[in-house]
N, C-alpha and C. Protein backbone atom coordinates (compact mmCIF):
# COMPACT_ATOMS: atom_id res chain seq x y z
N UNK A 1 -3.32 18.59 71.91
CA UNK A 1 -2.30 18.05 71.07
C UNK A 1 -1.44 19.33 71.43
N UNK A 2 -2.02 19.94 72.24
CA UNK A 2 -1.05 21.69 72.73
C UNK A 2 -0.25 20.55 73.48
N UNK A 3 0.02 20.23 74.63
CA UNK A 3 0.26 19.54 75.62
C UNK A 3 1.40 19.28 75.30
N UNK A 4 1.51 18.07 73.82
CA UNK A 4 1.97 17.57 73.09
C UNK A 4 3.13 18.27 72.98
N UNK A 5 3.08 19.16 72.49
CA UNK A 5 4.36 20.15 71.35
C UNK A 5 4.92 21.16 72.54
N UNK A 6 4.30 21.36 73.91
CA UNK A 6 4.79 22.43 75.08
C UNK A 6 5.92 20.87 75.91
N UNK A 7 5.70 19.76 76.27
CA UNK A 7 6.57 18.89 76.06
C UNK A 7 7.88 18.88 75.68
N UNK A 8 7.28 18.87 74.04
CA UNK A 8 8.66 18.61 73.20
C UNK A 8 9.20 20.00 72.97
N UNK A 9 8.66 21.58 73.62
CA UNK A 9 10.25 22.94 73.46
C UNK A 9 10.87 22.33 74.92
N UNK A 10 9.82 22.00 75.49
CA UNK A 10 10.99 21.76 77.33
C UNK A 10 11.81 20.93 76.88
N UNK A 11 11.36 19.55 76.26
CA UNK A 11 12.76 18.28 76.22
C UNK A 11 13.54 18.98 75.31
N UNK A 12 13.42 19.84 74.50
CA UNK A 12 14.33 19.90 72.79
C UNK A 12 15.63 20.94 73.84
N UNK A 13 14.68 21.74 74.96
CA UNK A 13 15.76 22.89 75.62
C UNK A 13 16.38 21.61 76.91
N UNK A 14 15.55 20.89 77.05
CA UNK A 14 15.89 19.85 77.95
C UNK A 14 17.32 19.80 77.48
N UNK A 15 17.61 19.00 76.83
CA UNK A 15 18.41 17.95 75.21
C UNK A 15 19.37 18.77 74.93
N UNK A 16 19.23 20.65 75.03
CA UNK A 16 19.63 21.62 73.94
C UNK A 16 20.44 22.19 75.77
N UNK A 17 20.37 22.12 76.40
CA UNK A 17 21.11 22.80 77.46
C UNK A 17 22.52 21.75 78.12
N UNK A 18 21.87 20.68 77.94
CA UNK A 18 22.83 19.02 78.74
C UNK A 18 24.14 19.42 78.13
N UNK A 19 23.58 19.41 77.21
CA UNK A 19 24.56 19.96 75.64
C UNK A 19 26.04 21.00 75.09
N UNK A 20 25.07 21.49 76.10
CA UNK A 20 25.69 23.20 76.08
C UNK A 20 26.94 22.76 77.58
N UNK A 21 26.29 22.58 78.88
CA UNK A 21 27.10 21.94 79.75
C UNK A 21 28.24 20.48 79.33
N UNK A 22 27.86 20.55 77.79
CA UNK A 22 29.15 19.34 78.23
C UNK A 22 29.89 19.96 77.18
N UNK A 23 29.76 20.66 76.27
CA UNK A 23 30.10 21.25 75.64
C UNK A 23 31.74 22.16 76.52
N UNK A 24 31.42 22.90 77.79
CA UNK A 24 31.46 22.98 78.45
C UNK A 24 32.08 22.91 79.54
N UNK A 25 31.84 21.52 79.27
CA UNK A 25 33.08 20.78 80.37
C UNK A 25 34.45 20.32 79.84
N UNK A 26 34.24 19.87 78.06
CA UNK A 26 34.46 19.79 77.66
C UNK A 26 35.77 21.30 77.11
N UNK A 27 35.49 21.98 77.67
CA UNK A 27 36.32 23.19 77.22
C UNK A 27 37.07 23.74 77.93
N UNK A 28 36.98 22.74 79.09
CA UNK A 28 38.30 22.75 80.16
C UNK A 28 39.50 22.35 79.55
N UNK A 29 39.48 21.75 79.26
CA UNK A 29 39.94 20.67 78.66
C UNK A 29 41.14 21.70 78.08
N UNK A 30 41.52 22.98 76.85
CA UNK A 30 41.69 23.60 75.93
C UNK A 30 41.77 24.27 76.62
N UNK A 31 43.17 25.05 76.21
CA UNK A 31 43.13 25.74 77.17
C UNK A 31 43.15 27.46 76.55
N UNK A 32 42.32 28.12 77.96
CA UNK A 32 41.72 29.55 77.30
C UNK A 32 40.07 29.84 77.37
N UNK A 33 40.09 28.28 76.60
CA UNK A 33 38.99 28.75 75.89
C UNK A 33 38.23 29.20 76.72
N UNK A 34 38.03 29.15 78.21
CA UNK A 34 36.17 29.41 79.11
C UNK A 34 36.85 30.85 78.23
N UNK A 35 37.95 31.33 78.58
CA UNK A 35 37.93 33.18 78.85
C UNK A 35 37.99 34.01 77.50
N UNK A 36 37.23 32.57 76.17
CA UNK A 36 37.19 33.72 75.14
C UNK A 36 35.52 33.66 75.14
N UNK A 37 35.59 34.64 74.12
CA UNK A 37 33.95 35.42 74.44
C UNK A 37 32.65 33.75 74.23
N UNK A 38 33.02 33.02 73.68
CA UNK A 38 31.38 31.88 73.71
C UNK A 38 31.61 31.16 74.63
N UNK A 39 32.87 31.08 75.72
CA UNK A 39 33.08 30.41 76.61
C UNK A 39 32.37 31.08 77.75
N UNK A 40 32.29 32.30 78.09
CA UNK A 40 31.77 33.75 79.27
C UNK A 40 30.62 33.54 79.01
N UNK A 41 30.13 33.37 78.07
CA UNK A 41 28.05 32.90 77.81
C UNK A 41 28.49 31.89 78.57
N UNK A 42 28.62 30.89 78.02
CA UNK A 42 28.36 30.12 78.86
C UNK A 42 28.97 29.15 79.92
N UNK A 43 29.46 29.94 79.96
CA UNK A 43 30.27 29.69 82.13
C UNK A 43 29.08 30.63 82.80
N UNK A 44 28.35 32.17 81.82
CA UNK A 44 26.82 32.26 82.17
C UNK A 44 25.93 32.13 82.67
N UNK A 45 26.28 30.99 81.18
CA UNK A 45 24.74 29.99 80.89
C UNK A 45 24.62 28.71 82.36
N UNK A 46 25.92 27.62 82.54
CA UNK A 46 26.85 27.36 83.35
C UNK A 46 26.51 26.15 84.99
N UNK A 47 27.39 27.52 84.69
CA UNK A 47 27.97 28.11 86.58
C UNK A 47 26.51 27.99 87.21
N UNK A 48 25.73 28.92 87.24
CA UNK A 48 24.87 28.81 87.74
C UNK A 48 23.89 27.74 87.91
N UNK A 49 24.59 26.37 87.15
CA UNK A 49 23.76 25.42 87.74
C UNK A 49 24.41 24.79 88.34
N UNK A 50 25.33 24.57 87.01
CA UNK A 50 27.09 23.33 88.36
C UNK A 50 26.68 23.96 89.88
N UNK A 51 26.93 25.13 89.80
CA UNK A 51 27.61 26.03 91.58
C UNK A 51 26.93 24.69 92.63
N UNK A 52 25.18 24.71 92.77
CA UNK A 52 24.48 23.79 93.55
C UNK A 52 25.68 21.79 93.80
N UNK A 53 25.92 21.38 92.34
CA UNK A 53 26.76 20.72 93.08
C UNK A 53 28.17 20.70 93.14
N UNK A 54 28.26 20.67 91.96
CA UNK A 54 29.62 21.27 93.34
C UNK A 54 29.76 22.09 94.40
N UNK A 55 28.99 22.53 95.38
CA UNK A 55 28.51 22.99 96.72
C UNK A 55 28.56 21.34 98.10
N UNK A 56 27.51 20.09 96.74
CA UNK A 56 27.24 19.18 97.39
C UNK A 56 28.59 17.75 97.30
N UNK A 57 28.83 17.93 96.08
CA UNK A 57 29.67 16.44 95.32
C UNK A 57 31.45 17.46 95.16
N UNK A 58 32.16 16.79 96.04
CA UNK A 58 33.86 17.31 96.02
C UNK A 58 34.01 16.86 95.12
N UNK A 59 35.16 17.76 94.63
CA UNK A 59 36.43 17.09 93.31
C UNK A 59 36.78 15.81 94.28
N UNK A 60 37.11 14.14 92.66
CA UNK A 60 38.09 13.67 93.14
C UNK A 60 38.70 13.97 92.74
N UNK A 61 40.32 14.36 93.76
CA UNK A 61 41.44 13.94 93.10
C UNK A 61 41.52 15.76 92.22
N UNK A 62 41.31 14.98 91.03
CA UNK A 62 41.98 16.31 89.54
C UNK A 62 40.68 16.40 88.75
N UNK A 63 39.03 15.67 89.18
CA UNK A 63 38.00 14.98 88.61
C UNK A 63 37.56 15.58 89.42
N UNK A 64 36.94 16.91 88.79
CA UNK A 64 35.19 16.61 88.69
C UNK A 64 33.99 16.40 88.26
N UNK A 65 33.45 15.62 89.51
CA UNK A 65 32.36 14.92 88.47
C UNK A 65 30.77 15.25 88.82
N UNK A 66 30.78 16.41 89.50
CA UNK A 66 29.84 17.95 89.61
C UNK A 66 29.09 17.37 88.03
N UNK A 67 29.85 17.70 87.18
CA UNK A 67 28.58 17.72 85.86
C UNK A 67 27.75 16.94 85.29
N UNK A 68 28.87 16.02 85.19
CA UNK A 68 27.83 14.33 85.13
C UNK A 68 26.90 14.38 85.90
N UNK A 69 26.76 14.67 87.35
CA UNK A 69 26.12 14.45 87.97
C UNK A 69 24.61 14.90 87.72
N UNK A 70 24.84 16.47 87.57
CA UNK A 70 24.25 17.76 87.21
C UNK A 70 23.36 17.26 85.46
N UNK A 71 24.32 16.61 84.50
CA UNK A 71 23.91 15.87 83.56
C UNK A 71 22.33 14.79 83.52
N UNK A 72 22.62 13.84 84.88
CA UNK A 72 21.98 12.55 84.80
C UNK A 72 20.70 12.93 85.21
N UNK A 73 20.67 14.79 85.76
CA UNK A 73 19.23 15.25 87.32
C UNK A 73 18.70 16.09 86.36
N UNK A 74 19.16 16.16 84.96
CA UNK A 74 18.72 16.78 83.66
C UNK A 74 17.42 16.15 83.12
N UNK A 75 18.33 15.00 82.93
CA UNK A 75 17.81 12.96 81.63
C UNK A 75 16.28 12.61 83.50
N UNK A 76 16.50 12.66 84.36
CA UNK A 76 16.17 12.17 85.06
C UNK A 76 14.48 13.45 84.84
N UNK A 77 14.92 14.73 85.19
CA UNK A 77 13.14 15.97 85.23
C UNK A 77 13.84 15.75 83.97
N UNK A 78 14.22 15.83 82.10
CA UNK A 78 13.59 15.27 81.39
C UNK A 78 12.66 13.69 81.40
N UNK A 79 12.74 12.67 82.09
CA UNK A 79 11.66 11.35 82.53
C UNK A 79 10.38 11.96 83.58
N UNK A 80 10.74 12.82 83.96
CA UNK A 80 9.81 13.38 85.08
C UNK A 80 8.89 13.46 84.16
N UNK A 81 9.09 14.61 84.03
CA UNK A 81 8.23 15.44 82.54
C UNK A 81 7.45 14.66 81.68
N UNK A 82 8.00 14.19 81.32
CA UNK A 82 7.39 12.99 80.45
C UNK A 82 5.78 12.25 80.89
N UNK A 83 6.29 11.47 82.82
CA UNK A 83 5.41 11.00 83.46
C UNK A 83 4.34 11.83 83.29
N UNK A 84 4.81 13.38 84.30
CA UNK A 84 3.72 14.47 83.95
C UNK A 84 3.19 14.29 82.63
N UNK A 85 2.96 14.65 81.73
CA UNK A 85 2.38 15.61 80.30
C UNK A 85 1.23 13.66 80.43
N UNK A 86 2.46 13.04 80.49
CA UNK A 86 2.07 11.51 79.76
C UNK A 86 -0.11 11.95 81.26
N UNK A 87 0.68 11.60 82.80
CA UNK A 87 -0.50 11.88 83.10
C UNK A 87 -2.00 13.08 82.68
N UNK A 88 -0.86 13.67 82.94
CA UNK A 88 -1.84 15.43 81.80
C UNK A 88 -2.88 14.43 80.77
N UNK A 89 -3.18 13.85 79.50
CA UNK A 89 -2.75 13.61 78.60
C UNK A 89 -2.56 14.02 77.55
N UNK A 90 -1.94 14.04 77.28
CA UNK A 90 -0.74 14.57 76.18
C UNK A 90 -0.07 13.16 75.60
N UNK A 91 -0.39 12.44 75.93
CA UNK A 91 -0.50 11.07 75.02
C UNK A 91 -0.91 10.37 74.07
């Protein structure tokens, strides 16, 4: 039973981080939004994760698809986490 709760907490954290990434991406559309205190906090949380993806995936013109790939990686990590916890007998 405790493994189930550990999985739920980790899954919720991954989902919240995905939403933080989406908010950070949308903030680029609003002028000076990333320079606000909330924008700086999100940048300190999101940029370390997005940086490796930006090094691997170059922008296509003015469109940066690396955050989309980063979100997909988080979703795959959540699915992998589910598989691991199922193997451990949490469900």
